[in-house]
Amino acid sequence: MPLRTPGSRRFWLVLTFVLCACAGASAQKTREQLEREKAENQSKIREIQSILKQTSSQKNVNLGQLKALNQQINTYKKQIDLLTDDLEILDRELKVLEKRRQSLDSSLAVLKEEYGHMIYEASKRNAYFNQLVFLFSAGTFNQFVLRYKYLKQYTEARQGRAKEIDALQKQVMAERQRITSKKNQQKNVLDTRVTENNKLEGLKVKQNEVIKELSQKEVELRKQIAENKRATDLLEASIRRIAERERRERLERERREREEREARRKAERERIARENAEREKKGEAAVEAPKEEEEPVVSSGMSEEETTLASSFTASQNRLPWPVKGFVSSHFGQRPHAVLKGVMVDNLGIDIQTTAGEPVRSVYDGTVLDVTELPGMGSVVAIQHGNYMTIYAKMTGVSVRAGQKVKARENIGRVATDSDGTSELQFQIWKNTSRLNPENWLIHR
């Protein structure tokens, strides 16, 4: 059997480990993403738990409590889905580890076989001749040197095989420990999923109890819907008045600028006419009046600063920070009522449910257009961003005033808490007189 050098075998072992490591790196990237999502969702669960605790402290059940329960159920469902994903990733990781262990076992078996063969061959030679006799029976000095090098290479090869076998045995043991650890991790995830599922079932029972109790308060709920409708109508009317006022002011500014430009042109034409009259008296050639440029069409009536701000606001779609911590408890547009069947409710923006006294922040640089108080909406702040407006309602402790410039993420007040113990911010985005869905503008979380 020809002598195989340790280097050739080591090359294939290294190649095997590289391929396995690449597969592990790919799985690791997926795991990192999963762990990040799990951490974010756990943070949401804790946040909603705090909100739910506040609304549940009231004697009577309320819609705020139901909304928090619904959101908590959604977060637990997502957590269970993430745990299922975790189990799938663990299964893939275990398969990679098992393949790696099998590859190591195969390589170890080959090395042991080669090493055994080398020991056998060496023992067979020792039975026939002594190494010293083998060396000194050489006919020439060059033959002596060659025999010495052969014996040395053979000895080093055996020693190399022994070291490789020892290293591989350690790696096999390490892989088996990793597999055991991964299986324990898999069991822990399974146990956690069972625990989270039990919590989810408990929340569903509570949800049904709240829905049942609220369903028995149909008269009260319909009265609340009517009051909310009146408050919403007042808010919409107020916003449209602000938008109309801004539109008139822009048109007036545009009219004045147009009249000023026309006055300058008229004065220039009259000046040139007088100069040409003097030139004519002197027999000099008349000066040709400069060609008047066409007046630029200004449709928005915004200043250069407002146009720049509006353009940058447009580019911030899906990237605006949230005005307050919490979750969307009522979405944009028409939606079925949470309890009453066949009843639709309309939302000009979104409601973000949060904890009492939570600070409210401006989502973008702008100028405060209006600060007012409205029945059912508490303090309302309107901030201008070029031809966009952001509206913050159901507030208290407003810390800004009309005409004030604010920066993104600057505190403008706090969220108010209603008689049911629900703390909710009404947030809207308008472009001129058109309302937009704020969820399309806020950063996803």
Protein backbone atom coordinates (compact mmCIF):
# COMPACT_ATOMS: atom_id res chain seq x y z
CA MET A 1 0.00 0.00 0.00
CA PRO A 2 1.51 3.39 -0.98
CA LEU A 3 2.26 5.79 1.88
CA ARG A 4 -0.27 8.66 2.07
CA THR A 5 1.07 11.86 3.57
CA PRO A 6 -0.86 13.58 6.39
CA GLY A 7 -1.10 16.73 4.26
CA SER A 8 -3.40 15.23 1.61
CA ARG A 9 -5.82 13.84 4.23
CA ARG A 10 -5.75 17.11 6.17
CA PHE A 11 -6.75 19.03 3.01
CA TRP A 12 -9.99 17.05 2.66
CA LEU A 13 -10.75 17.38 6.36
CA VAL A 14 -10.28 21.14 6.23
CA LEU A 15 -12.52 21.33 3.14
CA THR A 16 -15.25 19.36 4.96
CA PHE A 17 -15.10 21.69 7.97
CA VAL A 18 -15.22 24.79 5.77
CA LEU A 19 -18.38 23.56 4.02
CA CYS A 20 -20.03 22.73 7.35
CA ALA A 21 -19.03 26.10 8.78
CA CYS A 22 -20.61 27.89 5.81
CA ALA A 23 -23.88 26.04 6.40
CA GLY A 24 -23.71 26.95 10.10
CA ALA A 25 -23.06 30.62 9.30
CA SER A 26 -26.17 30.77 7.10
CA ALA A 27 -28.29 29.24 9.87
CA GLN A 28 -26.70 31.61 12.40
CA LYS A 29 -27.82 34.64 10.40
CA THR A 30 -31.40 33.38 10.42
CA ARG A 31 -31.15 32.69 14.15
CA GLU A 32 -29.90 36.22 14.86
CA GLN A 33 -32.87 37.64 12.98
CA LEU A 34 -35.26 35.35 14.86
CA GLU A 35 -33.79 36.26 18.26
CA ARG A 36 -34.16 39.95 17.39
CA GLU A 37 -37.82 39.46 16.45
CA LYS A 38 -38.46 37.47 19.63
CA ALA A 39 -36.89 40.20 21.77
CA GLU A 40 -38.94 42.91 20.02
CA ASN A 41 -42.16 40.93 20.46
CA GLN A 42 -41.40 40.27 24.13
CA SER A 43 -40.94 44.02 24.57
CA LYS A 44 -44.38 44.58 22.99
CA ILE A 45 -45.92 41.97 25.31
CA ARG A 46 -44.52 43.80 28.36
CA GLU A 47 -45.66 47.17 27.01
CA ILE A 48 -49.20 45.96 26.30
CA GLN A 49 -49.31 44.18 29.67
CA SER A 50 -48.69 47.55 31.35
CA ILE A 51 -51.50 49.15 29.29
CA LEU A 52 -53.85 46.23 30.01
CA LYS A 53 -53.12 46.48 33.73
CA GLN A 54 -54.13 50.15 33.66
CA THR A 55 -57.44 49.57 31.83
CA SER A 56 -58.23 46.43 33.88
CA SER A 57 -57.92 48.38 37.12
CA GLN A 58 -61.30 49.97 36.43
CA LYS A 59 -64.38 48.44 38.10
CA ASN A 60 -66.29 48.06 34.85
CA VAL A 61 -65.04 46.52 31.62
CA ASN A 62 -64.49 48.93 28.74
CA LEU A 63 -63.47 49.04 25.10
CA GLY A 64 -59.94 50.07 26.01
CA GLN A 65 -59.56 46.84 27.97
CA LEU A 66 -60.90 44.81 25.04
CA LYS A 67 -58.53 46.52 22.59
CA ALA A 68 -55.55 45.81 24.85
CA LEU A 69 -56.66 42.18 25.21
CA ASN A 70 -57.00 41.84 21.43
CA GLN A 71 -53.51 43.26 20.94
CA GLN A 72 -52.03 41.07 23.66
CA ILE A 73 -53.58 38.00 22.03
CA ASN A 74 -52.03 39.00 18.70
CA THR A 75 -48.58 39.40 20.27
CA TYR A 76 -48.83 35.99 21.98
CA LYS A 77 -49.88 34.41 18.69
CA LYS A 78 -46.84 35.95 17.05
CA GLN A 79 -44.63 34.75 19.90
CA ILE A 80 -45.89 31.19 19.43
CA ASP A 81 -45.24 31.47 15.68
CA LEU A 82 -41.71 32.70 16.42
CA LEU A 83 -41.15 29.77 18.81
CA THR A 84 -42.33 27.42 16.05
CA ASP A 85 -39.80 29.06 13.72
CA ASP A 86 -37.21 28.59 16.46
CA LEU A 87 -37.94 24.85 16.58
CA GLU A 88 -37.58 24.60 12.81
CA ILE A 89 -34.22 26.39 12.93
CA LEU A 90 -33.09 24.16 15.80
CA ASP A 91 -34.07 21.13 13.74
CA ARG A 92 -31.99 22.40 10.80
CA GLU A 93 -29.07 23.16 13.10
CA LEU A 94 -29.28 19.66 14.60
CA LYS A 95 -29.20 18.12 11.12
CA VAL A 96 -26.09 20.17 10.27
CA LEU A 97 -24.44 19.06 13.52
CA GLU A 98 -25.36 15.40 12.90
CA LYS A 99 -23.90 15.56 9.37
CA ARG A 100 -20.78 17.17 10.73
CA ARG A 101 -20.47 14.47 13.41
CA GLN A 102 -20.98 11.72 10.82
CA SER A 103 -18.32 13.31 8.61
CA LEU A 104 -15.93 13.45 11.56
CA ASP A 105 -16.71 9.82 12.48
CA SER A 106 -16.00 8.73 8.89
CA SER A 107 -12.73 10.66 8.79
CA LEU A 108 -11.74 9.23 12.16
CA ALA A 109 -12.47 5.69 10.99
CA VAL A 110 -10.29 6.20 7.88
CA LEU A 111 -7.41 7.59 9.98
CA LYS A 112 -7.65 4.74 12.47
CA GLU A 113 -7.62 2.20 9.63
CA GLU A 114 -4.55 3.83 8.08
CA TYR A 115 -2.81 4.06 11.44
CA GLY A 116 -3.57 0.40 12.18
CA HIS A 117 -2.18 -0.62 8.82
CA MET A 118 1.00 1.39 9.47
CA ILE A 119 1.45 -0.25 12.90
CA TYR A 120 0.87 -3.68 11.36
CA GLU A 121 3.42 -3.05 8.60
CA ALA A 122 5.94 -1.72 11.13
CA SER A 123 5.54 -4.75 13.41
CA LYS A 124 5.90 -7.07 10.41
CA ARG A 125 9.19 -5.42 9.42
CA ASN A 126 10.51 -5.52 12.98
CA ALA A 127 9.93 -9.27 12.97
CA TYR A 128 12.34 -9.69 10.04
CA PHE A 129 15.08 -7.16 10.68
CA ASN A 130 16.38 -4.64 13.17
CA GLN A 131 16.37 -0.96 12.10
CA LEU A 132 20.06 -0.58 12.88
CA VAL A 133 20.88 -3.68 10.84
CA PHE A 134 18.71 -2.25 8.05
CA LEU A 135 20.66 1.03 8.15
CA PHE A 136 24.20 -0.37 8.40
CA SER A 137 23.64 -3.04 5.81
CA ALA A 138 23.54 -0.29 3.19
CA GLY A 139 26.11 -0.78 0.42
CA THR A 140 26.98 2.93 0.10
CA PHE A 141 26.74 6.08 2.20
CA ASN A 142 24.05 7.53 -0.10
CA GLN A 143 21.99 4.36 0.34
CA PHE A 144 22.45 4.71 4.14
CA VAL A 145 21.12 8.31 4.00
CA LEU A 146 18.13 7.30 1.89
CA ARG A 147 17.25 4.43 4.29
CA TYR A 148 17.54 6.81 7.26
CA LYS A 149 15.24 9.37 5.60
CA TYR A 150 12.71 6.62 4.81
CA LEU A 151 12.61 5.40 8.41
CA LYS A 152 12.32 8.97 9.70
CA GLN A 153 9.46 9.79 7.28
CA TYR A 154 7.64 6.61 8.24
CA THR A 155 7.99 7.38 11.97
CA GLU A 156 6.79 11.00 11.46
CA ALA A 157 3.84 9.74 9.40
CA ARG A 158 2.76 7.43 12.22
CA GLN A 159 3.15 10.20 14.78
CA GLY A 160 1.16 12.57 12.54
CA ARG A 161 -1.65 10.04 12.20
CA ALA A 162 -1.75 9.63 15.98
CA LYS A 163 -2.03 13.41 16.49
CA GLU A 164 -4.76 13.71 13.83
CA ILE A 165 -6.70 10.86 15.47
CA ASP A 166 -6.43 12.57 18.86
CA ALA A 167 -7.58 15.94 17.43
CA LEU A 168 -10.50 14.34 15.60
CA GLN A 169 -11.60 12.44 18.70
CA LYS A 170 -11.74 15.74 20.60
CA GLN A 171 -13.76 17.34 17.79
CA VAL A 172 -16.18 14.40 17.72
CA MET A 173 -16.68 14.76 21.46
CA ALA A 174 -17.24 18.53 21.10
CA GLU A 175 -19.81 17.95 18.34
CA ARG A 176 -21.65 15.42 20.49
CA GLN A 177 -21.75 17.95 23.33
CA ARG A 178 -23.13 20.60 20.94
CA ILE A 179 -25.82 18.17 19.79
CA THR A 180 -26.80 17.41 23.40
CA SER A 181 -26.92 21.14 24.17
CA LYS A 182 -29.02 21.81 21.07
CA LYS A 183 -31.47 19.05 22.01
CA ASN A 184 -31.81 20.55 25.51
CA GLN A 185 -32.42 23.94 23.91
CA GLN A 186 -35.06 22.35 21.69
CA LYS A 187 -36.81 20.90 24.75
CA ASN A 188 -36.75 24.31 26.50
CA VAL A 189 -38.31 25.98 23.45
CA LEU A 190 -41.03 23.31 23.35
CA ASP A 191 -41.77 23.85 27.05
CA THR A 192 -41.86 27.64 26.50
CA ARG A 193 -44.26 27.24 23.59
CA VAL A 194 -46.61 25.17 25.77
CA THR A 195 -46.45 27.86 28.49
CA GLU A 196 -47.13 30.68 26.01
CA ASN A 197 -50.01 28.73 24.49
CA ASN A 198 -51.57 28.30 27.96
CA LYS A 199 -51.28 32.07 28.49
CA LEU A 200 -52.91 32.63 25.08
CA GLU A 201 -55.84 30.39 25.98
CA GLY A 202 -56.27 32.26 29.25
CA LEU A 203 -56.35 35.59 27.39
CA LYS A 204 -58.95 34.24 24.96
CA VAL A 205 -61.17 33.23 27.88
CA LYS A 206 -60.82 36.74 29.34
CA GLN A 207 -61.51 38.25 25.91
CA ASN A 208 -64.77 36.30 25.58
CA GLU A 209 -65.82 37.38 29.07
CA VAL A 210 -65.19 41.06 28.26
CA ILE A 211 -67.02 40.82 24.90
CA LYS A 212 -69.98 39.15 26.60
CA GLU A 213 -70.15 41.81 29.30
CA LEU A 214 -69.78 44.66 26.80
CA SER A 215 -72.49 43.15 24.56
CA GLN A 216 -74.93 43.62 27.41
CA LYS A 217 -74.22 47.37 27.35
CA GLU A 218 -75.48 48.03 23.82
CA VAL A 219 -77.35 51.22 24.76
CA GLU A 220 -74.30 52.63 26.51
CA LEU A 221 -72.00 51.66 23.63
CA ARG A 222 -74.28 53.25 21.02
CA LYS A 223 -74.36 56.43 23.09
CA GLN A 224 -70.56 56.36 23.23
CA ILE A 225 -70.38 55.88 19.44
CA ALA A 226 -72.64 58.92 18.93
CA GLU A 227 -70.50 61.04 21.28
CA ASN A 228 -67.33 59.95 19.50
CA LYS A 229 -68.95 60.80 16.16
CA ARG A 230 -69.78 64.33 17.35
CA ALA A 231 -66.24 64.78 18.68
CA THR A 232 -64.76 63.47 15.42
CA ASP A 233 -66.97 65.80 13.34
CA LEU A 234 -65.88 68.77 15.45
CA LEU A 235 -62.24 67.79 15.00
CA GLU A 236 -62.60 67.35 11.25
CA ALA A 237 -64.36 70.71 10.93
CA SER A 238 -61.59 72.35 12.94
CA ILE A 239 -58.88 70.76 10.78
CA ARG A 240 -60.62 71.80 7.57
CA ARG A 241 -60.92 75.38 8.88
CA ILE A 242 -57.18 75.39 9.58
CA ALA A 243 -56.45 73.92 6.15
CA GLU A 244 -58.74 76.45 4.46
CA ARG A 245 -57.14 79.31 6.41
CA GLU A 246 -53.69 78.15 5.30
CA ARG A 247 -54.93 77.83 1.70
CA ARG A 248 -56.31 81.40 1.72
CA GLU A 249 -53.10 82.73 3.24
CA ARG A 250 -51.00 81.01 0.60
CA LEU A 251 -53.24 82.32 -2.19
CA GLU A 252 -53.04 85.81 -0.71
CA ARG A 253 -49.26 85.58 -0.46
CA GLU A 254 -49.09 84.35 -4.03
CA ARG A 255 -51.36 87.23 -5.18
CA ARG A 256 -49.19 89.83 -3.43
CA GLU A 257 -46.01 88.36 -4.90
CA ARG A 258 -47.59 88.38 -8.38
CA GLU A 259 -48.68 92.02 -7.99
CA GLU A 260 -45.21 93.00 -6.75
CA ARG A 261 -43.58 91.31 -9.75
CA GLU A 262 -46.00 93.04 -12.11
CA ALA A 263 -45.34 96.42 -10.41
CA ARG A 264 -41.56 95.95 -10.83
CA ARG A 265 -42.00 95.06 -14.51
CA LYS A 266 -44.27 98.07 -15.07
CA ALA A 267 -41.77 100.41 -13.39
CA GLU A 268 -38.96 98.97 -15.53
CA ARG A 269 -40.98 99.45 -18.72
CA GLU A 270 -41.79 103.07 -17.77
CA ARG A 271 -38.12 103.78 -16.96
CA ILE A 272 -37.00 102.44 -20.36
CA ALA A 273 -39.77 104.43 -22.10
CA ARG A 274 -38.54 107.68 -20.44
CA GLU A 275 -34.92 106.94 -21.38
CA ASN A 276 -35.90 106.23 -25.00
CA ALA A 277 -37.86 109.52 -25.11
CA GLU A 278 -34.71 111.42 -24.02
CA ARG A 279 -32.61 109.50 -26.55
CA GLU A 280 -35.05 110.36 -29.34
CA LYS A 281 -34.73 114.07 -28.53
CA LYS A 282 -30.95 113.72 -28.78
CA GLY A 283 -31.18 111.69 -31.99
CA GLU A 284 -29.78 108.62 -30.35
CA ALA A 285 -30.95 105.05 -30.96
CA ALA A 286 -33.60 103.73 -28.63
CA VAL A 287 -32.78 101.03 -26.10
CA GLU A 288 -34.65 97.80 -26.63
CA ALA A 289 -36.62 96.72 -23.60
CA PRO A 290 -35.45 93.39 -22.12
CA LYS A 291 -37.61 90.43 -22.97
CA GLU A 292 -39.96 89.69 -20.14
CA GLU A 293 -39.71 86.16 -18.81
CA GLU A 294 -42.87 84.17 -18.45
CA GLU A 295 -44.26 84.26 -14.96
CA PRO A 296 -43.66 80.93 -13.22
CA VAL A 297 -46.78 79.00 -12.42
CA VAL A 298 -47.09 78.57 -8.65
CA SER A 299 -49.89 76.15 -7.86
CA SER A 300 -49.18 75.47 -4.19
CA GLY A 301 -48.63 79.03 -3.03
CA MET A 302 -45.87 77.75 -0.70
CA SER A 303 -42.65 79.57 0.05
CA GLU A 304 -39.33 78.01 -0.92
CA GLU A 305 -38.79 76.86 2.67
CA GLU A 306 -42.25 75.27 2.83
CA THR A 307 -41.73 73.53 -0.53
CA THR A 308 -38.43 72.04 0.67
CA LEU A 309 -40.02 70.89 3.93
CA ALA A 310 -42.97 69.31 2.10
CA SER A 311 -40.60 67.49 -0.26
CA SER A 312 -38.53 66.05 2.61
CA PHE A 313 -41.72 65.05 4.47
CA THR A 314 -42.91 63.17 1.37
CA ALA A 315 -39.60 61.31 1.27
CA SER A 316 -40.11 60.22 4.89
CA GLN A 317 -42.98 57.83 4.12
CA ASN A 318 -42.64 54.60 6.16
CA ARG A 319 -39.86 56.25 8.18
CA LEU A 320 -41.60 58.68 10.53
CA PRO A 321 -41.09 58.02 14.27
CA TRP A 322 -44.13 57.14 16.36
CA PRO A 323 -45.64 60.12 18.20
CA VAL A 324 -46.11 57.99 21.33
CA LYS A 325 -45.29 54.51 22.62
CA GLY A 326 -48.07 51.91 22.41
CA PHE A 327 -50.10 50.05 19.80
CA VAL A 328 -52.68 50.95 17.17
CA SER A 329 -56.00 50.36 18.92
CA SER A 330 -58.17 51.76 16.12
CA HIS A 331 -57.10 51.80 12.47
CA PHE A 332 -57.64 54.37 9.71
CA GLY A 333 -60.91 54.59 7.79
CA GLN A 334 -64.15 52.67 8.20
CA ARG A 335 -64.02 49.56 10.37
CA PRO A 336 -66.58 47.28 12.07
CA HIS A 337 -67.21 48.09 15.72
CA ALA A 338 -65.25 45.88 18.13
CA VAL A 339 -68.46 44.59 19.80
CA LEU A 340 -71.64 45.71 18.05
CA LYS A 341 -72.36 43.68 14.93
CA GLY A 342 -73.33 45.58 11.78
CA VAL A 343 -72.08 48.90 13.20
CA MET A 344 -69.30 50.72 11.31
CA VAL A 345 -67.07 53.41 12.79
CA ASP A 346 -64.90 55.86 10.86
CA ASN A 347 -61.49 57.07 11.98
CA LEU A 348 -59.84 60.15 10.45
CA GLY A 349 -56.46 58.80 11.53
CA ILE A 350 -55.40 56.16 14.03
CA ASP A 351 -55.73 55.77 17.79
CA ILE A 352 -52.59 54.73 19.65
CA GLN A 353 -53.31 53.25 23.07
CA THR A 354 -50.61 53.76 25.67
CA THR A 355 -50.05 54.31 29.40
CA ALA A 356 -51.24 57.32 31.39
CA GLY A 357 -49.19 60.49 31.04
CA GLU A 358 -47.04 59.14 28.20
CA PRO A 359 -45.19 62.00 26.43
CA VAL A 360 -46.30 62.91 22.90
CA ARG A 361 -43.65 63.91 20.35
CA SER A 362 -43.76 65.66 17.00
CA VAL A 363 -43.04 63.21 14.18
CA TYR A 364 -41.25 65.81 12.01
CA ASP A 365 -39.83 69.32 11.90
CA GLY A 366 -42.55 71.93 11.44
CA THR A 367 -44.47 74.92 12.72
CA VAL A 368 -47.36 74.74 15.19
CA LEU A 369 -50.43 75.99 13.34
CA ASP A 370 -53.01 75.72 16.08
CA VAL A 371 -53.55 74.63 19.69
CA THR A 372 -57.15 74.24 20.79
CA GLU A 373 -59.52 72.40 23.14
CA LEU A 374 -62.38 70.35 21.71
CA PRO A 375 -65.12 68.40 23.55
CA GLY A 376 -64.31 64.69 23.51
CA MET A 377 -60.86 65.32 22.02
CA GLY A 378 -59.13 67.21 24.81
CA SER A 379 -56.20 69.34 23.70
CA VAL A 380 -55.50 69.27 19.96
CA VAL A 381 -52.23 70.35 18.32
CA ALA A 382 -51.83 70.89 14.56
CA ILE A 383 -48.29 71.07 13.13
CA GLN A 384 -47.53 72.22 9.58
CA HIS A 385 -44.87 70.53 7.41
CA GLY A 386 -45.13 72.44 4.12
CA ASN A 387 -48.48 71.41 2.63
CA TYR A 388 -48.74 68.51 5.12
CA MET A 389 -50.27 68.64 8.58
CA THR A 390 -49.95 66.26 11.52
CA ILE A 391 -52.73 66.31 14.13
CA TYR A 392 -52.33 65.20 17.76
CA ALA A 393 -55.60 64.94 19.74
CA LYS A 394 -56.76 63.55 23.11
CA MET A 395 -53.87 65.31 24.82
CA THR A 396 -53.26 67.19 28.03
CA GLY A 397 -50.47 69.41 29.33
CA VAL A 398 -49.64 70.86 25.89
CA SER A 399 -46.20 72.53 25.98
CA VAL A 400 -46.19 74.34 22.60
CA ARG A 401 -48.02 77.38 21.19
CA ALA A 402 -49.21 78.51 17.76
CA GLY A 403 -46.40 79.86 15.57
CA GLN A 404 -43.70 77.93 17.44
CA LYS A 405 -41.20 75.90 15.40
CA VAL A 406 -40.66 72.34 16.61
CA LYS A 407 -38.18 69.61 15.78
CA ALA A 408 -38.81 65.93 15.12
CA ARG A 409 -39.20 63.93 18.37
CA GLU A 410 -39.71 67.14 20.39
CA ASN A 411 -42.16 66.77 23.30
CA ILE A 412 -45.40 68.68 22.70
CA GLY A 413 -47.55 67.39 25.58
CA ARG A 414 -48.89 64.24 27.23
CA VAL A 415 -51.59 61.67 26.47
CA ALA A 416 -54.84 62.24 28.35
CA THR A 417 -56.71 59.43 30.18
CA ASP A 418 -60.50 59.17 29.85
CA SER A 419 -63.06 58.21 32.52
CA ASP A 420 -62.70 54.51 31.60
CA GLY A 421 -58.99 54.62 32.35
CA THR A 422 -57.99 54.41 28.68
CA SER A 423 -55.03 56.52 27.54
CA GLU A 424 -55.22 56.99 23.79
CA LEU A 425 -53.70 59.43 21.31
CA GLN A 426 -55.61 60.33 18.14
CA PHE A 427 -53.01 60.89 15.40
CA GLN A 428 -53.75 62.12 11.87
CA ILE A 429 -51.83 63.14 8.75
CA TRP A 430 -53.32 65.50 6.13
CA LYS A 431 -52.05 66.74 2.80
CA ASN A 432 -53.85 69.99 2.05
CA THR A 433 -57.48 68.94 2.61
CA SER A 434 -57.00 65.19 2.08
CA ARG A 435 -56.53 62.82 5.01
CA LEU A 436 -53.91 60.07 4.75
CA ASN A 437 -53.41 56.74 6.49
CA PRO A 438 -50.76 57.36 9.18
CA GLU A 439 -49.78 53.68 9.26
CA ASN A 440 -48.33 54.14 5.76
CA TRP A 441 -46.04 56.84 7.11
CA LEU A 442 -44.89 55.58 10.51
CA ILE A 443 -41.90 53.28 10.75
CA HIS A 444 -42.92 49.63 11.01
CA ARG A 445 -42.54 48.05 14.42
